[in-house]
Amino acid sequence: MLIKPSTITSAVAGLAIPFGKFEGQTPLSSTSMSMGAKFNITKQDESICDAGSRQWTGWVHISDEKSLFFWFFESRSNPTTDPVVLWMNGGPGASSMIGLFAEMGPCQTSTSTTGNNGTYLNDHSWSNFANLLFLDQPAGVGLSSINGSTLGGPDTITEAAEDFNEFLSTFFVEIFPHFSSNPFHIAGESFGGTYVPAFVHYIGMRQHLGIPGVFKTPIQSITLVDAVVDYMGSGPLGEYDHMCQFDKGGNNRLKLGFNETTCRTIELGVPECQRLNNQCIETYDLNICEAAFVYCWKFIDLIEDGGRVIYDDRALCKGEYPLCGLDGNFSEYLNRPHFQRALGLERWNFTALNWDLNDRWGFSKYVYMPTTREMTWILDESPIRVLVINGNNDIIVNTEGQKRVYDALPWNHQAKYRMQKFDDWHWPDQSGKMIKGGQFKTANKMSFASVNDAGHTAPGDQKAAVAFLMACWLSDDKVEACPF
């Protein structure tokens, strides 16, 4: 989630890094590009991404107006049998190139002139044990387009879900049918807590009803990374716990934590925020959920007053709030001519966040809706497993709030899950030494793992630790240290 300074009604994003606006562009023809009626695809080499495995880029044409961009990497291990993991960043409007180039993708961008044309191999990529599929959606986000530009596009989660279903059907049936039998998993970050449960519920219900055209490959699990299924619960209602940790001497244990006056202000507002949020979750009413969001989000504004970075409590804001200079260098790389030529583009002014789409989703009020009902359906009515990963230094989607959200989530094994105590989990470094990674608990199909020394983008902040978690989650052959 990201708060845009101009207006509260456009306040929901994901950790997304804006660099400007798009211009209208069209794909170039290319001799290396395979064309289909519903897609075009180009096999890439390591000149644009030092990946360590085979890779393809392309677009699935959802309609005459909408095209969704994807980047697919084979596993470095055994692509024929390893699972396929689809990754989506949040927003709404954030490009999944954030995850690829700054978090858990096979290659990362370099700040120096070394590396393969601006990238270097990520030794801790999830492609070590999985085939990775990065998707820019909805249409208009990142390298995806709507009418040859980024203006317009889906306004609701339902329309985005329809396009997502169409993308998956085309990808696994027409482009890579030989991967349709691999175990399939979906992961999302930040606003991905809306995308992933809503999309999976949309597909699952249509599979159950036998509706023609629905994506047929079974979904094995979902992973939600610093992701919101309940905005107020995951953010403002956990902020007091996160920022107001006082010891007996009256000192805040968190170096950048709030003082007692600010904490008292938040404390007095929590009951009304909780009441409004309960109504939102119970009714799923747009206006009630918007009212809860507007009331509760003023707590987050206090972070700006204190000069803190909402994505990482270890950092002071340097630059314009709320991004605070967290602008990375991958966007500059994606705008380089050699990179765009390889994709088959010209004059593509890539930005990591589509503010136009973010604004429209904010004004539509759908961004304020929880996905707790969809999560209950996934846990009770489907065989899909759920993994929640959360960075302990994240403020805007804080671990303290997330723990309460999932303890309160109604499902058949809620009581068992709630009663489980958190235990430490550890991961092996290169020398084999076991490092404490955070805490976890699990019951039935639901697992929760917190990550130490990680903010809103946990897979990027703690690459090796989170990669170990995911390898454990996806593997049938668990090593002794695996927490689940």
Protein backbone atom coordinates (compact mmCIF):
# COMPACT_ATOMS: atom_id res chain seq x y z
CA MET A 1 0.00 0.00 0.00
CA LEU A 2 1.17 3.49 -0.76
CA ILE A 3 -0.33 6.82 0.19
CA LYS A 4 -0.42 9.36 -2.56
CA PRO A 5 0.04 12.82 -1.02
CA SER A 6 -2.60 14.58 -3.11
CA THR A 7 -5.75 12.87 -1.86
CA ILE A 8 -6.90 10.26 0.61
CA THR A 9 -9.23 8.72 -1.95
CA SER A 10 -6.31 7.64 -4.12
CA ALA A 11 -4.30 6.39 -1.21
CA VAL A 12 -4.00 2.71 -1.92
CA ALA A 13 -1.05 1.42 -3.90
CA GLY A 14 1.62 -1.14 -3.14
CA LEU A 15 5.29 -0.55 -2.76
CA ALA A 16 5.50 0.95 -6.21
CA ILE A 17 8.01 3.41 -7.52
CA PRO A 18 6.72 6.15 -9.86
CA PHE A 19 9.04 7.71 -12.41
CA GLY A 20 6.63 9.60 -14.65
CA LYS A 21 3.86 8.76 -17.08
CA PHE A 22 3.60 6.50 -20.09
CA GLU A 23 3.39 7.59 -23.68
CA GLY A 24 1.46 5.77 -26.37
CA GLN A 25 3.56 2.99 -27.87
CA THR A 26 3.18 0.05 -30.19
CA PRO A 27 5.16 -3.21 -30.43
CA LEU A 28 7.71 -3.53 -33.21
CA SER A 29 7.85 -6.45 -35.58
CA SER A 30 10.72 -8.81 -34.87
CA THR A 31 12.22 -11.85 -36.58
CA SER A 32 12.68 -13.47 -33.15
CA MET A 33 9.05 -12.99 -32.24
CA SER A 34 6.54 -15.80 -32.55
CA MET A 35 3.04 -14.57 -33.27
CA GLY A 36 -0.30 -16.10 -32.44
CA ALA A 37 -3.82 -14.86 -32.83
CA LYS A 38 -3.98 -14.13 -29.12
CA PHE A 39 -0.34 -13.58 -28.19
CA ASN A 40 3.17 -12.73 -29.28
CA ILE A 41 6.31 -14.07 -27.63
CA THR A 42 10.07 -13.55 -27.92
CA LYS A 43 12.79 -15.84 -26.62
CA GLN A 44 15.32 -13.73 -24.73
CA ASP A 45 18.97 -14.25 -23.86
CA GLU A 46 21.17 -12.96 -21.09
CA SER A 47 21.82 -9.67 -22.88
CA ILE A 48 18.88 -8.11 -21.00
CA CYS A 49 18.61 -10.42 -17.97
CA ASP A 50 21.45 -12.54 -16.61
CA ALA A 51 19.01 -15.24 -15.52
CA GLY A 52 20.87 -18.54 -15.61
CA SER A 53 18.01 -20.27 -17.43
CA ARG A 54 15.87 -19.97 -20.56
CA GLN A 55 13.48 -17.03 -20.66
CA TRP A 56 10.70 -15.53 -22.79
CA THR A 57 8.83 -12.23 -22.89
CA GLY A 58 5.53 -11.52 -24.55
CA TRP A 59 2.01 -10.18 -24.50
CA VAL A 60 -1.31 -11.99 -24.26
CA HIS A 61 -3.96 -10.03 -26.17
CA ILE A 62 -7.00 -10.18 -23.92
CA SER A 63 -9.05 -8.18 -26.44
CA ASP A 64 -8.48 -5.77 -29.31
CA GLU A 65 -7.83 -3.10 -26.68
CA LYS A 66 -6.01 -4.91 -23.84
CA SER A 67 -2.66 -6.72 -23.82
CA LEU A 68 -0.97 -8.16 -20.71
CA PHE A 69 2.82 -8.40 -20.57
CA PHE A 70 4.60 -11.43 -19.10
CA TRP A 71 8.18 -12.55 -18.50
CA PHE A 72 8.66 -16.28 -18.04
CA PHE A 73 11.81 -17.96 -16.70
CA GLU A 74 12.44 -21.66 -16.61
CA SER A 75 13.71 -23.15 -13.37
CA ARG A 76 17.48 -23.46 -12.99
CA SER A 77 16.93 -26.97 -11.61
CA ASN A 78 14.37 -29.16 -13.39
CA PRO A 79 11.89 -27.06 -15.37
CA THR A 80 9.93 -30.07 -16.60
CA THR A 81 8.82 -31.02 -13.09
CA ASP A 82 9.45 -27.96 -10.91
CA PRO A 83 6.39 -25.88 -9.98
CA VAL A 84 5.31 -22.74 -11.81
CA VAL A 85 5.00 -19.68 -9.56
CA LEU A 86 3.16 -16.64 -10.90
CA TRP A 87 4.17 -13.38 -9.22
CA MET A 88 2.20 -10.11 -9.08
CA ASN A 89 3.14 -6.87 -7.37
CA GLY A 90 0.44 -4.68 -5.90
CA GLY A 91 -0.75 -1.16 -6.41
CA PRO A 92 -3.26 -1.07 -7.79
CA GLY A 93 -1.07 -0.10 -10.69
CA ALA A 94 2.32 -1.49 -9.62
CA SER A 95 4.45 -3.34 -12.15
CA SER A 96 5.68 -6.84 -11.35
CA MET A 97 9.04 -5.79 -12.75
CA ILE A 98 9.61 -4.60 -9.17
CA GLY A 99 9.57 -8.19 -8.01
CA LEU A 100 11.66 -9.36 -10.95
CA PHE A 101 14.48 -6.81 -10.78
CA ALA A 102 14.44 -5.77 -7.11
CA GLU A 103 13.24 -8.78 -5.13
CA MET A 104 13.25 -12.47 -6.05
CA GLY A 105 13.70 -12.52 -9.82
CA PRO A 106 16.54 -14.37 -11.58
CA CYS A 107 18.43 -11.15 -12.34
CA GLN A 108 18.85 -7.84 -10.54
CA THR A 109 19.87 -4.46 -11.87
CA SER A 110 23.33 -3.18 -11.03
CA THR A 111 24.23 0.33 -9.87
CA SER A 112 27.66 -0.02 -11.48
CA THR A 113 28.80 -0.61 -15.04
CA THR A 114 29.69 -4.22 -14.22
CA GLY A 115 27.39 -7.11 -14.87
CA ASN A 116 25.72 -8.35 -18.03
CA ASN A 117 24.43 -5.20 -19.74
CA GLY A 118 23.24 -3.78 -16.43
CA THR A 119 22.07 -6.94 -14.66
CA TYR A 120 23.65 -9.64 -12.55
CA LEU A 121 22.58 -13.13 -11.52
CA ASN A 122 20.52 -13.31 -8.33
CA ASP A 123 21.92 -16.32 -6.48
CA HIS A 124 18.85 -16.42 -4.22
CA SER A 125 16.17 -16.24 -6.89
CA TRP A 126 13.12 -18.43 -6.56
CA SER A 127 14.05 -19.71 -10.03
CA ASN A 128 16.55 -21.96 -8.23
CA PHE A 129 13.60 -24.26 -7.50
CA ALA A 130 10.66 -22.99 -9.58
CA ASN A 131 9.64 -21.76 -13.01
CA LEU A 132 8.81 -18.06 -12.54
CA LEU A 133 6.09 -16.14 -14.36
CA PHE A 134 5.94 -12.37 -13.81
CA LEU A 135 2.71 -10.70 -14.93
CA ASP A 136 1.98 -6.98 -15.38
CA GLN A 137 -1.73 -6.46 -14.75
CA PRO A 138 -4.33 -4.97 -14.96
CA ALA A 139 -4.02 -3.74 -18.55
CA GLY A 140 -2.15 -0.44 -18.54
CA VAL A 141 0.26 -1.40 -15.77
CA GLY A 142 4.01 -1.64 -16.37
CA LEU A 143 4.61 -3.06 -19.83
CA SER A 144 0.96 -4.01 -20.38
CA SER A 145 -1.21 -1.73 -22.49
CA ILE A 146 -4.74 -0.53 -23.11
CA ASN A 147 -5.42 0.82 -26.61
CA GLY A 148 -1.67 1.13 -27.15
CA SER A 149 -1.18 3.25 -24.04
CA THR A 150 -1.73 3.08 -20.29
CA LEU A 151 -4.82 5.24 -19.97
CA GLY A 152 -8.10 3.52 -19.22
CA GLY A 153 -8.15 -0.16 -18.38
CA PRO A 154 -10.11 -2.17 -15.82
CA ASP A 155 -11.84 -0.17 -13.09
CA THR A 156 -12.93 -3.07 -10.88
CA ILE A 157 -11.45 -6.22 -9.40
CA THR A 158 -14.03 -8.30 -11.29
CA GLU A 159 -12.91 -7.02 -14.68
CA ALA A 160 -9.28 -7.55 -13.70
CA ALA A 161 -10.15 -11.11 -12.62
CA GLU A 162 -11.80 -11.81 -15.99
CA ASP A 163 -8.63 -10.68 -17.77
CA PHE A 164 -6.45 -12.71 -15.40
CA ASN A 165 -8.47 -15.84 -16.17
CA GLU A 166 -8.14 -15.20 -19.90
CA PHE A 167 -4.38 -14.68 -19.54
CA LEU A 168 -3.87 -17.96 -17.69
CA SER A 169 -5.98 -19.92 -20.16
CA THR A 170 -4.00 -18.57 -23.10
CA PHE A 171 -0.61 -18.97 -21.43
CA PHE A 172 -1.07 -22.59 -20.35
CA VAL A 173 -3.14 -23.81 -23.31
CA GLU A 174 -1.70 -21.97 -26.31
CA ILE A 175 1.78 -20.74 -25.35
CA PHE A 176 3.26 -23.24 -22.88
CA PRO A 177 0.86 -26.22 -22.75
CA HIS A 178 3.65 -28.52 -21.53
CA PHE A 179 3.76 -26.56 -18.25
CA SER A 180 0.04 -27.02 -17.57
CA SER A 181 0.73 -30.26 -15.69
CA ASN A 182 3.34 -28.71 -13.38
CA PRO A 183 2.20 -27.73 -9.88
CA PHE A 184 0.91 -24.15 -10.11
CA HIS A 185 1.16 -21.53 -7.36
CA ILE A 186 0.28 -17.81 -7.22
CA ALA A 187 2.10 -15.19 -5.14
CA GLY A 188 1.27 -11.53 -4.61
CA GLU A 189 2.65 -8.62 -2.62
CA SER A 190 0.94 -5.67 -0.89
CA PHE A 191 -2.27 -5.00 -2.89
CA GLY A 192 -1.71 -8.55 -4.05
CA GLY A 193 -3.73 -9.34 -0.93
CA THR A 194 -6.69 -8.11 -2.97
CA TYR A 195 -5.63 -9.44 -6.37
CA VAL A 196 -4.72 -13.00 -5.40
CA PRO A 197 -7.70 -14.02 -3.21
CA ALA A 198 -10.18 -12.27 -5.52
CA PHE A 199 -8.74 -13.83 -8.69
CA VAL A 200 -8.48 -17.30 -7.16
CA HIS A 201 -12.04 -17.09 -5.84
CA TYR A 202 -13.28 -15.92 -9.26
CA ILE A 203 -11.60 -18.85 -11.01
CA GLY A 204 -12.47 -21.41 -8.35
CA MET A 205 -16.17 -20.58 -8.36
CA ARG A 206 -16.33 -20.88 -12.13
CA GLN A 207 -14.43 -24.16 -12.09
CA HIS A 208 -16.95 -25.47 -9.56
CA LEU A 209 -19.88 -24.36 -11.71
CA GLY A 210 -18.31 -25.68 -14.91
CA ILE A 211 -18.51 -22.34 -16.70
CA PRO A 212 -16.96 -22.53 -20.21
CA GLY A 213 -13.69 -20.69 -20.73
CA VAL A 214 -12.51 -20.91 -17.14
CA PHE A 215 -8.83 -21.66 -16.43
CA LYS A 216 -8.64 -25.38 -15.69
CA THR A 217 -5.20 -26.03 -14.17
CA PRO A 218 -5.50 -26.66 -10.41
CA ILE A 219 -4.01 -23.98 -8.16
CA GLN A 220 -1.95 -25.65 -5.43
CA SER A 221 -1.31 -22.69 -3.13
CA ILE A 222 -1.21 -18.93 -2.74
CA THR A 223 1.51 -16.88 -1.04
CA LEU A 224 0.70 -13.42 0.31
CA VAL A 225 3.77 -11.25 0.95
CA ASP A 226 3.25 -8.17 3.13
CA ALA A 227 -0.20 -8.26 1.60
CA VAL A 228 -3.48 -6.76 2.76
CA VAL A 229 -6.69 -8.76 2.98
CA ASP A 230 -8.03 -6.33 5.62
CA TYR A 231 -6.69 -2.79 5.21
CA MET A 232 -7.48 -1.41 8.63
CA GLY A 233 -6.51 -4.57 10.48
CA SER A 234 -3.19 -4.97 8.69
CA GLY A 235 -2.26 -1.30 8.87
CA PRO A 236 -3.71 1.29 11.26
CA LEU A 237 -5.04 -1.14 13.88
CA GLY A 238 -1.63 -2.76 14.22
CA GLU A 239 0.29 0.48 14.13
CA TYR A 240 -0.14 1.17 17.85
CA ASP A 241 1.43 -2.19 18.70
CA HIS A 242 4.24 -1.62 16.22
CA MET A 243 5.15 1.99 16.99
CA CYS A 244 4.32 2.23 20.70
CA GLN A 245 6.52 -0.38 22.38
CA PHE A 246 7.46 1.27 25.69
CA ASP A 247 9.56 -0.35 28.40
CA LYS A 248 9.09 0.15 32.13
CA GLY A 249 11.23 3.27 32.01
CA GLY A 250 8.95 4.93 29.47
CA ASN A 251 11.42 4.50 26.58
CA ASN A 252 10.20 3.35 23.20
CA ARG A 253 12.02 0.15 22.27
CA LEU A 254 11.67 1.02 18.61
CA LYS A 255 14.28 3.63 17.79
CA LEU A 256 11.96 5.48 15.44
CA GLY A 257 8.82 4.76 17.43
CA PHE A 258 6.21 7.34 18.43
CA ASN A 259 6.34 9.33 21.65
CA GLU A 260 3.74 8.88 24.37
CA THR A 261 1.62 11.82 23.20
CA THR A 262 1.28 10.44 19.69
CA CYS A 263 0.63 6.95 21.01
CA ARG A 264 -2.15 8.27 23.22
CA THR A 265 -3.76 9.92 20.17
CA ILE A 266 -3.72 6.61 18.31
CA GLU A 267 -4.96 4.70 21.34
CA LEU A 268 -8.03 6.92 21.63
CA GLY A 269 -8.87 6.39 17.95
CA VAL A 270 -8.50 2.61 17.89
CA PRO A 271 -11.99 1.72 19.23
CA GLU A 272 -13.82 3.70 16.53
CA CYS A 273 -11.47 2.39 13.84
CA GLN A 274 -12.14 -1.15 15.04
CA ARG A 275 -15.90 -0.58 15.10
CA LEU A 276 -15.95 0.79 11.55
CA ASN A 277 -13.69 -1.96 10.31
CA ASN A 278 -15.90 -4.65 11.83
CA GLN A 279 -18.85 -3.15 9.96
CA CYS A 280 -16.85 -3.12 6.73
CA ILE A 281 -15.89 -6.79 7.03
CA GLU A 282 -19.42 -7.80 8.01
CA THR A 283 -21.26 -5.88 5.28
CA TYR A 284 -18.77 -5.61 2.38
CA ASP A 285 -20.45 -2.25 1.75
CA LEU A 286 -18.42 0.19 -0.38
CA ASN A 287 -19.42 3.31 1.53
CA ILE A 288 -18.93 1.77 4.97
CA CYS A 289 -15.50 0.45 4.00
CA GLU A 290 -14.50 3.83 2.58
CA ALA A 291 -15.59 5.54 5.81
CA ALA A 292 -13.51 3.09 7.83
CA PHE A 293 -10.51 3.66 5.60
CA VAL A 294 -10.70 7.46 5.78
CA TYR A 295 -11.09 7.44 9.57
CA CYS A 296 -8.39 4.87 10.30
CA TRP A 297 -5.83 6.07 7.79
CA LYS A 298 -5.15 9.27 9.72
CA PHE A 299 -3.01 7.10 12.00
CA ILE A 300 -0.71 6.37 9.09
CA ASP A 301 -0.39 10.12 8.45
CA LEU A 302 1.40 10.39 11.79
CA ILE A 303 4.30 8.46 10.26
CA GLU A 304 4.83 11.25 7.75
CA ASP A 305 4.77 13.81 10.56
CA GLY A 306 7.60 11.93 12.22
CA GLY A 307 9.64 11.63 9.04
CA ARG A 308 9.47 7.85 8.93
CA VAL A 309 9.39 5.55 5.93
CA ILE A 310 6.05 3.73 5.93
CA TYR A 311 7.63 0.66 4.32
CA ASP A 312 10.51 0.20 6.75
CA ASP A 313 10.73 1.38 10.36
CA ARG A 314 14.53 1.35 10.21
CA ALA A 315 14.71 4.28 7.83
CA LEU A 316 14.06 8.02 7.95
CA CYS A 317 12.37 9.55 4.93
CA LYS A 318 14.81 10.98 2.41
CA GLY A 319 13.01 12.56 -0.49
CA GLU A 320 9.35 13.12 -1.29
CA TYR A 321 6.85 11.30 0.92
CA PRO A 322 5.64 8.57 0.74
CA LEU A 323 8.30 6.99 -1.50
CA CYS A 324 11.10 8.70 0.44
CA GLY A 325 13.70 8.07 -2.25
CA LEU A 326 13.02 4.34 -2.52
CA ASP A 327 13.25 4.59 -6.28
CA GLY A 328 15.72 1.85 -7.10
CA ASN A 329 17.49 1.78 -10.45
CA PHE A 330 15.60 -0.85 -12.43
CA SER A 331 13.20 1.66 -14.00
CA GLU A 332 16.10 3.49 -15.60
CA TYR A 333 17.35 0.17 -16.92
CA LEU A 334 13.97 -0.76 -18.42
CA ASN A 335 13.98 2.53 -20.34
CA ARG A 336 17.32 1.83 -22.03
CA PRO A 337 17.09 1.48 -25.83
CA HIS A 338 18.81 -1.94 -25.99
CA PHE A 339 16.38 -3.35 -23.44
CA GLN A 340 13.30 -2.06 -25.22
CA ARG A 341 14.53 -3.23 -28.62
CA ALA A 342 14.94 -6.74 -27.22
CA LEU A 343 11.31 -6.72 -26.09
CA GLY A 344 10.16 -5.33 -29.43
CA LEU A 345 9.25 -1.86 -28.21
CA GLU A 346 10.06 1.70 -29.11
CA ARG A 347 9.70 4.88 -27.05
CA TRP A 348 8.21 2.99 -24.11
CA ASN A 349 8.48 5.28 -21.10
CA PHE A 350 8.34 2.59 -18.42
CA THR A 351 7.19 3.53 -14.94
CA ALA A 352 6.75 1.16 -12.03
CA LEU A 353 3.40 2.64 -11.01
CA ASN A 354 0.47 3.74 -13.15
CA TRP A 355 -0.93 6.66 -11.14
CA ASP A 356 -3.89 7.07 -13.48
CA LEU A 357 -5.10 3.55 -12.76
CA ASN A 358 -4.30 3.97 -9.08
CA ASP A 359 -6.45 7.12 -8.96
CA ARG A 360 -9.38 5.50 -10.77
CA TRP A 361 -9.39 2.48 -8.49
CA GLY A 362 -9.25 4.79 -5.48
CA PHE A 363 -12.20 6.86 -6.62
CA SER A 364 -14.20 3.72 -7.43
CA LYS A 365 -13.97 2.72 -3.72
CA TYR A 366 -13.34 -0.93 -4.60
CA VAL A 367 -9.80 -0.58 -3.25
CA TYR A 368 -11.16 -0.26 0.29
CA MET A 369 -12.86 -3.65 0.22
CA PRO A 370 -11.41 -6.54 2.23
CA THR A 371 -10.90 -10.00 0.79
CA THR A 372 -11.61 -11.88 4.01
CA ARG A 373 -14.68 -13.62 2.54
CA GLU A 374 -12.60 -14.81 -0.40
CA MET A 375 -9.93 -16.08 2.00
CA THR A 376 -12.55 -18.02 3.97
CA TRP A 377 -13.78 -19.61 0.73
CA ILE A 378 -10.22 -20.55 -0.28
CA LEU A 379 -9.53 -22.19 3.09
CA ASP A 380 -12.89 -23.96 3.46
CA GLU A 381 -14.12 -24.69 -0.06
CA SER A 382 -10.92 -25.40 -1.99
CA PRO A 383 -7.81 -27.58 -1.59
CA ILE A 384 -5.57 -24.51 -1.93
CA ARG A 385 -2.96 -23.95 0.80
CA VAL A 386 -2.18 -20.44 2.10
CA LEU A 387 1.20 -19.01 3.13
CA VAL A 388 1.51 -15.52 4.61
CA ILE A 389 4.98 -13.91 4.74
CA ASN A 390 5.45 -10.56 6.49
CA GLY A 391 8.48 -8.37 7.12
CA ASN A 392 8.77 -7.39 10.78
CA ASN A 393 9.98 -3.88 9.90
CA ASP A 394 7.00 -3.10 7.67
CA ILE A 395 4.79 -0.35 9.11
CA ILE A 396 2.08 0.01 6.50
CA VAL A 397 1.32 -3.74 6.52
CA ASN A 398 2.68 -4.55 9.94
CA THR A 399 3.19 -8.01 11.38
CA GLU A 400 1.36 -7.13 14.59
CA GLY A 401 -1.81 -6.27 12.68
CA GLN A 402 -1.45 -9.21 10.32
CA LYS A 403 -1.28 -11.68 13.20
CA ARG A 404 -4.62 -10.43 14.52
CA VAL A 405 -6.19 -10.40 11.06
CA TYR A 406 -5.44 -14.07 10.46
CA ASP A 407 -6.31 -15.12 14.01
CA ALA A 408 -9.72 -13.51 13.45
CA LEU A 409 -10.26 -14.91 9.95
CA PRO A 410 -13.28 -17.27 10.08
CA TRP A 411 -12.68 -20.74 8.64
CA ASN A 412 -13.14 -24.32 9.72
CA HIS A 413 -9.79 -24.57 11.50
CA GLN A 414 -9.73 -21.03 12.88
CA ALA A 415 -9.73 -22.15 16.52
CA LYS A 416 -6.85 -24.56 15.97
CA TYR A 417 -4.82 -21.98 14.04
CA ARG A 418 -5.49 -19.23 16.59
CA MET A 419 -4.35 -21.41 19.48
CA GLN A 420 -1.04 -22.30 17.85
CA LYS A 421 1.92 -20.44 19.35
CA PHE A 422 4.58 -18.83 17.21
CA ASP A 423 7.93 -20.66 17.12
CA ASP A 424 11.27 -19.50 15.76
CA TRP A 425 12.31 -20.59 12.29
CA HIS A 426 15.89 -20.69 11.00
CA TRP A 427 17.59 -20.73 7.63
CA PRO A 428 21.11 -21.91 6.66
CA ASP A 429 23.65 -19.37 5.40
CA GLN A 430 26.37 -20.27 2.89
CA SER A 431 28.54 -21.79 5.61
CA GLY A 432 25.67 -23.90 6.90
CA LYS A 433 25.22 -21.83 10.04
CA MET A 434 21.57 -21.61 11.08
CA ILE A 435 20.27 -18.03 11.29
CA LYS A 436 17.04 -17.06 13.02
CA GLY A 437 14.73 -15.85 10.29
CA GLY A 438 11.65 -14.90 12.29
CA GLN A 439 8.68 -16.76 13.72
CA PHE A 440 6.02 -19.03 12.26
CA LYS A 441 2.91 -21.00 13.04
CA THR A 442 0.81 -23.36 10.99
CA ALA A 443 -2.45 -25.29 11.22
CA ASN A 444 -4.06 -27.39 8.53
CA LYS A 445 -3.73 -25.42 5.24
CA MET A 446 -2.77 -22.06 6.78
CA SER A 447 0.81 -20.96 7.58
CA PHE A 448 2.21 -17.60 8.72
CA ALA A 449 5.91 -16.68 8.77
CA SER A 450 7.36 -13.36 9.92
CA VAL A 451 10.76 -12.25 8.62
CA ASN A 452 13.34 -10.40 10.70
CA ASP A 453 15.17 -7.37 9.29
CA ALA A 454 12.70 -7.04 6.42
CA GLY A 455 10.28 -4.30 5.45
CA HIS A 456 7.45 -4.17 2.93
CA THR A 457 9.41 -6.04 0.26
CA ALA A 458 10.58 -8.99 2.34
CA PRO A 459 11.83 -11.11 -0.62
CA GLY A 460 14.15 -8.24 -1.59
CA ASP A 461 15.25 -7.30 1.93
CA GLN A 462 16.05 -10.88 2.97
CA LYS A 463 16.62 -12.73 -0.29
CA ALA A 464 18.22 -15.90 1.10
CA ALA A 465 15.88 -16.24 4.07
CA VAL A 466 12.65 -15.80 2.10
CA ALA A 467 13.92 -18.03 -0.71
CA PHE A 468 14.47 -20.75 1.90
CA LEU A 469 10.89 -20.31 3.11
CA MET A 470 9.52 -20.61 -0.42
CA ALA A 471 11.67 -23.63 -1.25
CA CYS A 472 10.29 -25.33 1.86
CA TRP A 473 6.73 -24.33 0.97
CA LEU A 474 6.91 -25.64 -2.59
CA SER A 475 8.88 -28.82 -1.99
CA ASP A 476 7.51 -32.26 -1.20
CA ASP A 477 10.91 -33.25 0.19
CA LYS A 478 11.31 -31.11 3.30
CA VAL A 479 14.71 -30.57 4.89
CA GLU A 480 14.85 -30.78 8.67
CA ALA A 481 14.94 -27.00 9.17
CA CYS A 482 11.78 -26.32 7.15
CA PRO A 483 9.15 -24.67 9.36
CA PHE A 484 6.24 -26.24 7.45
